[in-house]
N, C-alpha and C. Protein backbone atom coordinates (compact mmCIF):
# COMPACT_ATOMS: atom_id res chain seq x y z
N MET A 1 16.97 -20.73 -55.71
CA MET A 1 17.28 -19.81 -54.64
C MET A 1 16.28 -18.65 -54.65
N LYS A 2 15.94 -18.19 -55.89
CA LYS A 2 14.99 -17.09 -55.99
C LYS A 2 13.62 -17.52 -55.49
N ASN A 3 13.28 -18.77 -55.73
CA ASN A 3 11.97 -19.27 -55.28
C ASN A 3 11.88 -19.28 -53.75
N ILE A 4 12.96 -19.63 -53.09
CA ILE A 4 12.97 -19.66 -51.62
C ILE A 4 12.83 -18.25 -51.07
N LEU A 5 13.60 -17.31 -51.61
CA LEU A 5 13.51 -15.91 -51.15
C LEU A 5 12.13 -15.34 -51.44
N TYR A 6 11.59 -15.66 -52.61
CA TYR A 6 10.26 -15.18 -52.97
C TYR A 6 9.21 -15.77 -52.01
N SER A 7 9.33 -17.03 -51.66
CA SER A 7 8.40 -17.68 -50.74
C SER A 7 8.48 -17.07 -49.35
N ILE A 8 9.69 -16.79 -48.90
CA ILE A 8 9.87 -16.19 -47.56
C ILE A 8 9.26 -14.80 -47.53
N MET A 9 9.44 -14.02 -48.59
CA MET A 9 8.87 -12.68 -48.65
C MET A 9 7.34 -12.73 -48.65
N VAL A 10 6.77 -13.63 -49.40
CA VAL A 10 5.32 -13.74 -49.48
C VAL A 10 4.75 -14.15 -48.12
N VAL A 11 5.36 -15.12 -47.47
CA VAL A 11 4.89 -15.56 -46.15
C VAL A 11 5.03 -14.43 -45.14
N SER A 12 6.12 -13.67 -45.18
CA SER A 12 6.33 -12.55 -44.25
C SER A 12 5.28 -11.48 -44.45
N ILE A 13 4.97 -11.16 -45.69
CA ILE A 13 3.95 -10.14 -45.97
C ILE A 13 2.58 -10.60 -45.49
N ILE A 14 2.27 -11.86 -45.69
CA ILE A 14 0.98 -12.40 -45.23
C ILE A 14 0.88 -12.34 -43.71
N ILE A 15 1.94 -12.71 -43.03
CA ILE A 15 1.95 -12.68 -41.56
C ILE A 15 1.81 -11.25 -41.06
N LEU A 16 2.53 -10.32 -41.65
CA LEU A 16 2.43 -8.91 -41.23
C LEU A 16 1.05 -8.34 -41.50
N ALA A 17 0.48 -8.67 -42.64
CA ALA A 17 -0.85 -8.15 -42.97
C ALA A 17 -1.92 -8.70 -42.04
N ASN A 18 -1.79 -9.93 -41.61
CA ASN A 18 -2.78 -10.54 -40.72
C ASN A 18 -2.60 -10.13 -39.27
N SER A 19 -1.42 -9.63 -38.91
CA SER A 19 -1.17 -9.27 -37.52
C SER A 19 -1.74 -7.90 -37.16
N CYS A 20 -2.04 -7.09 -38.13
CA CYS A 20 -2.62 -5.77 -37.88
C CYS A 20 -4.10 -5.91 -37.54
N LYS A 21 -4.54 -5.27 -36.49
CA LYS A 21 -5.94 -5.31 -36.09
C LYS A 21 -6.55 -3.96 -36.45
N LYS A 22 -7.57 -4.00 -37.23
CA LYS A 22 -8.19 -2.78 -37.74
C LYS A 22 -9.40 -2.38 -36.90
N ASN A 23 -9.33 -1.26 -36.24
CA ASN A 23 -10.46 -0.61 -35.57
C ASN A 23 -11.48 -1.56 -34.95
N GLU A 24 -11.00 -2.37 -34.05
CA GLU A 24 -11.93 -3.26 -33.36
C GLU A 24 -12.78 -2.45 -32.40
N PRO A 25 -14.06 -2.77 -32.30
CA PRO A 25 -14.92 -2.00 -31.38
C PRO A 25 -14.49 -2.20 -29.92
N ILE A 26 -14.58 -1.14 -29.14
CA ILE A 26 -14.23 -1.20 -27.73
C ILE A 26 -15.44 -1.71 -26.96
N ASN A 27 -15.18 -2.69 -26.11
CA ASN A 27 -16.27 -3.23 -25.29
C ASN A 27 -16.62 -2.23 -24.20
N GLN A 28 -17.82 -1.74 -24.22
CA GLN A 28 -18.31 -0.81 -23.21
C GLN A 28 -18.88 -1.60 -22.04
N PRO A 29 -18.59 -1.18 -20.79
CA PRO A 29 -19.13 -1.90 -19.64
C PRO A 29 -20.65 -1.75 -19.58
N ASP A 30 -21.27 -2.78 -19.06
CA ASP A 30 -22.72 -2.77 -18.89
C ASP A 30 -23.07 -1.78 -17.78
N PRO A 31 -23.91 -0.75 -18.05
CA PRO A 31 -24.21 0.26 -17.02
C PRO A 31 -24.90 -0.33 -15.79
N SER A 32 -25.55 -1.45 -15.94
CA SER A 32 -26.23 -2.04 -14.78
C SER A 32 -25.25 -2.66 -13.80
N THR A 33 -23.99 -2.89 -14.21
CA THR A 33 -23.00 -3.47 -13.31
C THR A 33 -21.95 -2.47 -12.87
N SER A 34 -22.17 -1.19 -13.11
CA SER A 34 -21.16 -0.20 -12.74
C SER A 34 -21.12 -0.03 -11.22
N PHE A 35 -20.05 0.52 -10.73
CA PHE A 35 -19.82 0.69 -9.30
C PHE A 35 -20.87 1.59 -8.66
N GLU A 36 -21.27 2.64 -9.37
CA GLU A 36 -22.23 3.59 -8.81
C GLU A 36 -23.60 2.95 -8.58
N ASN A 37 -23.94 1.97 -9.40
CA ASN A 37 -25.25 1.33 -9.29
C ASN A 37 -25.23 0.09 -8.41
N GLY A 38 -24.09 -0.21 -7.79
CA GLY A 38 -23.96 -1.42 -6.99
C GLY A 38 -24.71 -1.33 -5.67
N ASN A 39 -25.07 -2.47 -5.17
CA ASN A 39 -25.72 -2.55 -3.86
C ASN A 39 -24.68 -2.96 -2.83
N TYR A 40 -24.53 -2.16 -1.82
CA TYR A 40 -23.61 -2.47 -0.73
C TYR A 40 -24.18 -1.90 0.55
N ASP A 41 -23.70 -2.42 1.65
CA ASP A 41 -24.17 -2.00 2.97
C ASP A 41 -23.71 -0.56 3.23
N PRO A 42 -24.65 0.37 3.52
CA PRO A 42 -24.26 1.76 3.76
C PRO A 42 -23.36 1.92 4.99
N ALA A 43 -23.36 0.95 5.89
CA ALA A 43 -22.52 1.02 7.08
C ALA A 43 -21.10 0.52 6.81
N PHE A 44 -20.84 0.02 5.58
CA PHE A 44 -19.52 -0.50 5.25
C PHE A 44 -18.48 0.62 5.30
N ASP A 45 -17.36 0.36 5.96
CA ASP A 45 -16.29 1.34 6.09
C ASP A 45 -15.28 1.13 4.95
N TRP A 46 -15.17 2.11 4.07
CA TRP A 46 -14.31 2.00 2.90
C TRP A 46 -12.85 2.30 3.22
N ASN A 47 -12.54 2.82 4.38
CA ASN A 47 -11.16 3.15 4.73
C ASN A 47 -10.36 1.88 4.98
N THR A 48 -9.16 1.84 4.45
CA THR A 48 -8.28 0.69 4.66
C THR A 48 -7.14 1.02 5.61
N ALA A 49 -7.10 2.26 6.08
CA ALA A 49 -6.04 2.68 6.99
C ALA A 49 -6.67 3.31 8.23
N LYS A 50 -5.89 3.35 9.30
CA LYS A 50 -6.33 4.03 10.51
C LYS A 50 -5.21 4.93 10.99
N ILE A 51 -5.61 6.01 11.65
CA ILE A 51 -4.65 6.97 12.21
C ILE A 51 -4.52 6.69 13.69
N VAL A 52 -3.29 6.53 14.14
CA VAL A 52 -3.00 6.27 15.56
C VAL A 52 -2.08 7.37 16.05
N ASP A 53 -2.45 7.99 17.17
CA ASP A 53 -1.60 9.00 17.80
C ASP A 53 -0.79 8.32 18.89
N LEU A 54 0.52 8.42 18.79
CA LEU A 54 1.42 7.84 19.78
C LEU A 54 2.07 8.95 20.57
N VAL A 55 2.07 8.82 21.89
CA VAL A 55 2.78 9.75 22.76
C VAL A 55 3.86 8.93 23.46
N ILE A 56 5.11 9.20 23.11
CA ILE A 56 6.23 8.41 23.60
C ILE A 56 7.02 9.24 24.60
N ALA A 57 7.24 8.66 25.77
CA ALA A 57 8.03 9.32 26.81
C ALA A 57 9.29 8.50 27.06
N SER A 58 10.39 9.21 27.29
CA SER A 58 11.65 8.54 27.57
C SER A 58 12.54 9.47 28.37
N GLU A 59 13.38 8.89 29.22
CA GLU A 59 14.28 9.69 30.03
C GLU A 59 15.60 9.96 29.34
N SER A 60 15.82 9.33 28.18
CA SER A 60 17.09 9.52 27.49
C SER A 60 16.84 9.86 26.02
N ASP A 61 17.83 10.48 25.42
CA ASP A 61 17.77 10.76 23.98
C ASP A 61 17.90 9.43 23.24
N GLN A 62 17.03 9.23 22.26
CA GLN A 62 17.13 7.99 21.49
C GLN A 62 16.39 8.11 20.17
N VAL A 63 16.77 7.26 19.25
CA VAL A 63 16.08 7.17 17.96
C VAL A 63 14.82 6.34 18.17
N ILE A 64 13.69 6.85 17.69
CA ILE A 64 12.43 6.13 17.76
C ILE A 64 12.24 5.41 16.44
N ASN A 65 12.16 4.09 16.51
CA ASN A 65 12.01 3.26 15.32
C ASN A 65 10.71 2.46 15.47
N ILE A 66 9.71 2.74 14.62
CA ILE A 66 8.42 2.06 14.68
C ILE A 66 8.33 1.15 13.47
N THR A 67 8.16 -0.16 13.71
CA THR A 67 8.14 -1.15 12.64
C THR A 67 6.98 -2.11 12.81
N SER A 68 6.80 -2.96 11.80
CA SER A 68 5.85 -4.06 11.91
C SER A 68 6.40 -5.06 12.92
N VAL A 69 5.56 -6.00 13.33
CA VAL A 69 5.98 -6.97 14.34
C VAL A 69 7.17 -7.79 13.85
N ASP A 70 7.18 -8.15 12.57
CA ASP A 70 8.29 -8.94 12.05
C ASP A 70 9.51 -8.08 11.68
N GLY A 71 9.37 -6.76 11.76
CA GLY A 71 10.47 -5.85 11.49
C GLY A 71 10.73 -5.58 10.02
N LYS A 72 9.91 -6.12 9.13
CA LYS A 72 10.14 -5.95 7.69
C LYS A 72 9.65 -4.61 7.16
N ILE A 73 8.67 -3.99 7.83
CA ILE A 73 8.12 -2.72 7.38
C ILE A 73 8.42 -1.65 8.41
N ARG A 74 9.04 -0.55 7.97
CA ARG A 74 9.29 0.57 8.87
C ARG A 74 8.19 1.60 8.64
N TYR A 75 7.44 1.90 9.71
CA TYR A 75 6.38 2.89 9.62
C TYR A 75 6.88 4.30 9.95
N TYR A 76 7.90 4.38 10.81
CA TYR A 76 8.36 5.70 11.23
C TYR A 76 9.75 5.58 11.84
N ARG A 77 10.53 6.65 11.68
CA ARG A 77 11.83 6.75 12.35
C ARG A 77 12.07 8.22 12.66
N GLY A 78 12.44 8.52 13.89
CA GLY A 78 12.68 9.90 14.29
C GLY A 78 13.53 9.94 15.54
N MET A 79 13.95 11.14 15.92
CA MET A 79 14.82 11.32 17.09
C MET A 79 14.05 11.95 18.23
N HIS A 80 14.09 11.30 19.38
CA HIS A 80 13.46 11.84 20.60
C HIS A 80 14.55 12.40 21.51
N PHE A 81 14.34 13.65 21.92
CA PHE A 81 15.26 14.28 22.87
C PHE A 81 14.59 14.33 24.23
N ALA A 82 15.27 13.89 25.24
CA ALA A 82 14.70 13.78 26.59
C ALA A 82 14.23 15.13 27.11
N ALA A 83 14.84 16.22 26.69
CA ALA A 83 14.45 17.54 27.17
C ALA A 83 13.01 17.89 26.75
N ASN A 84 12.51 17.27 25.69
CA ASN A 84 11.15 17.53 25.22
C ASN A 84 10.11 16.74 25.99
N HIS A 85 10.53 15.81 26.83
CA HIS A 85 9.69 14.97 27.69
C HIS A 85 8.79 14.02 26.89
N GLN A 86 8.00 14.52 25.95
CA GLN A 86 7.11 13.65 25.19
C GLN A 86 7.37 13.82 23.70
N TYR A 87 7.29 12.71 23.02
CA TYR A 87 7.47 12.70 21.57
C TYR A 87 6.16 12.23 20.97
N LYS A 88 5.56 13.06 20.14
CA LYS A 88 4.25 12.74 19.57
C LYS A 88 4.40 12.35 18.11
N VAL A 89 3.74 11.25 17.75
CA VAL A 89 3.78 10.74 16.39
C VAL A 89 2.35 10.44 15.95
N LYS A 90 1.98 10.92 14.78
CA LYS A 90 0.70 10.58 14.16
C LYS A 90 1.04 9.58 13.06
N LEU A 91 0.54 8.36 13.23
CA LEU A 91 0.92 7.26 12.37
C LEU A 91 -0.28 6.74 11.60
N SER A 92 -0.14 6.57 10.30
CA SER A 92 -1.19 5.98 9.47
C SER A 92 -0.75 4.57 9.12
N ILE A 93 -1.52 3.58 9.57
CA ILE A 93 -1.18 2.18 9.34
C ILE A 93 -2.40 1.44 8.79
N PRO A 94 -2.21 0.31 8.16
CA PRO A 94 -3.35 -0.48 7.69
C PRO A 94 -4.25 -0.90 8.84
N LYS A 95 -5.56 -0.95 8.58
CA LYS A 95 -6.52 -1.30 9.62
C LYS A 95 -6.31 -2.69 10.20
N LEU A 96 -5.77 -3.60 9.41
CA LEU A 96 -5.59 -4.96 9.88
C LEU A 96 -4.49 -5.10 10.92
N ILE A 97 -3.64 -4.11 11.05
CA ILE A 97 -2.52 -4.18 11.99
C ILE A 97 -3.04 -3.99 13.41
N THR A 98 -2.73 -4.95 14.28
CA THR A 98 -3.15 -4.87 15.68
C THR A 98 -1.98 -4.67 16.63
N GLN A 99 -0.76 -4.85 16.13
CA GLN A 99 0.43 -4.67 16.96
C GLN A 99 1.55 -4.07 16.12
N ILE A 100 2.38 -3.27 16.78
CA ILE A 100 3.59 -2.73 16.16
C ILE A 100 4.73 -2.86 17.16
N LYS A 101 5.92 -2.61 16.69
CA LYS A 101 7.08 -2.59 17.59
C LYS A 101 7.65 -1.19 17.60
N ILE A 102 7.87 -0.68 18.80
CA ILE A 102 8.54 0.60 18.98
C ILE A 102 9.84 0.32 19.70
N ASN A 103 10.95 0.50 19.01
CA ASN A 103 12.28 0.18 19.54
C ASN A 103 12.30 -1.23 20.12
N ASN A 104 11.78 -2.19 19.37
CA ASN A 104 11.73 -3.62 19.72
C ASN A 104 10.84 -3.92 20.92
N THR A 105 9.97 -2.99 21.30
CA THR A 105 8.97 -3.23 22.34
C THR A 105 7.62 -3.42 21.65
N LEU A 106 6.98 -4.55 21.90
CA LEU A 106 5.71 -4.87 21.27
C LEU A 106 4.60 -4.01 21.89
N VAL A 107 3.82 -3.34 21.03
CA VAL A 107 2.75 -2.44 21.49
C VAL A 107 1.47 -2.85 20.77
N SER A 108 0.39 -3.04 21.54
CA SER A 108 -0.91 -3.36 20.95
C SER A 108 -1.62 -2.08 20.53
N ILE A 109 -2.24 -2.13 19.36
CA ILE A 109 -3.00 -0.98 18.84
C ILE A 109 -4.46 -1.24 19.20
N ASP A 110 -4.88 -0.76 20.36
CA ASP A 110 -6.24 -1.02 20.82
C ASP A 110 -7.08 0.25 20.93
N SER A 111 -6.48 1.40 20.62
CA SER A 111 -7.21 2.67 20.63
C SER A 111 -6.52 3.64 19.68
N GLU A 112 -7.14 4.82 19.51
CA GLU A 112 -6.54 5.82 18.62
C GLU A 112 -5.43 6.62 19.28
N LEU A 113 -5.35 6.58 20.61
CA LEU A 113 -4.31 7.29 21.36
C LEU A 113 -3.60 6.28 22.25
N ILE A 114 -2.29 6.19 22.07
CA ILE A 114 -1.49 5.23 22.82
C ILE A 114 -0.32 5.95 23.48
N ASN A 115 -0.18 5.76 24.79
CA ASN A 115 0.93 6.33 25.56
C ASN A 115 1.94 5.23 25.85
N ILE A 116 3.21 5.54 25.59
CA ILE A 116 4.28 4.56 25.76
C ILE A 116 5.41 5.19 26.53
N ASN A 117 5.94 4.45 27.50
CA ASN A 117 7.14 4.88 28.23
C ASN A 117 8.29 3.95 27.84
N LEU A 118 9.33 4.53 27.25
CA LEU A 118 10.51 3.77 26.88
C LEU A 118 11.61 4.03 27.88
N LYS A 119 12.47 3.06 28.05
CA LYS A 119 13.58 3.21 28.99
C LYS A 119 14.83 3.59 28.29
């Protein structure tokens, strides 16, 4: 019985001693491949989002709900009061988005300023 316990202790100590990693050198990146030294087109647009100004008009008070086309992403929610005549929203959305839904009305994003009349 003592031999088994002694064997288990020796194996455990060996495993623990081998599992410790001692001061391994850190791999430094090659300066020739760094981002600052990279070649890229100077005309490339690094922005991944675009700002769209929405001017929403409605004759009645209503909640303005702006979502993705499939309705899974909500970009904005706010209350429009008819007495204010126009409701202005500055929306930041991904550049790849070409359409959004405003209160279940499909709207194309074809410019930076979009006027919408809701019923």
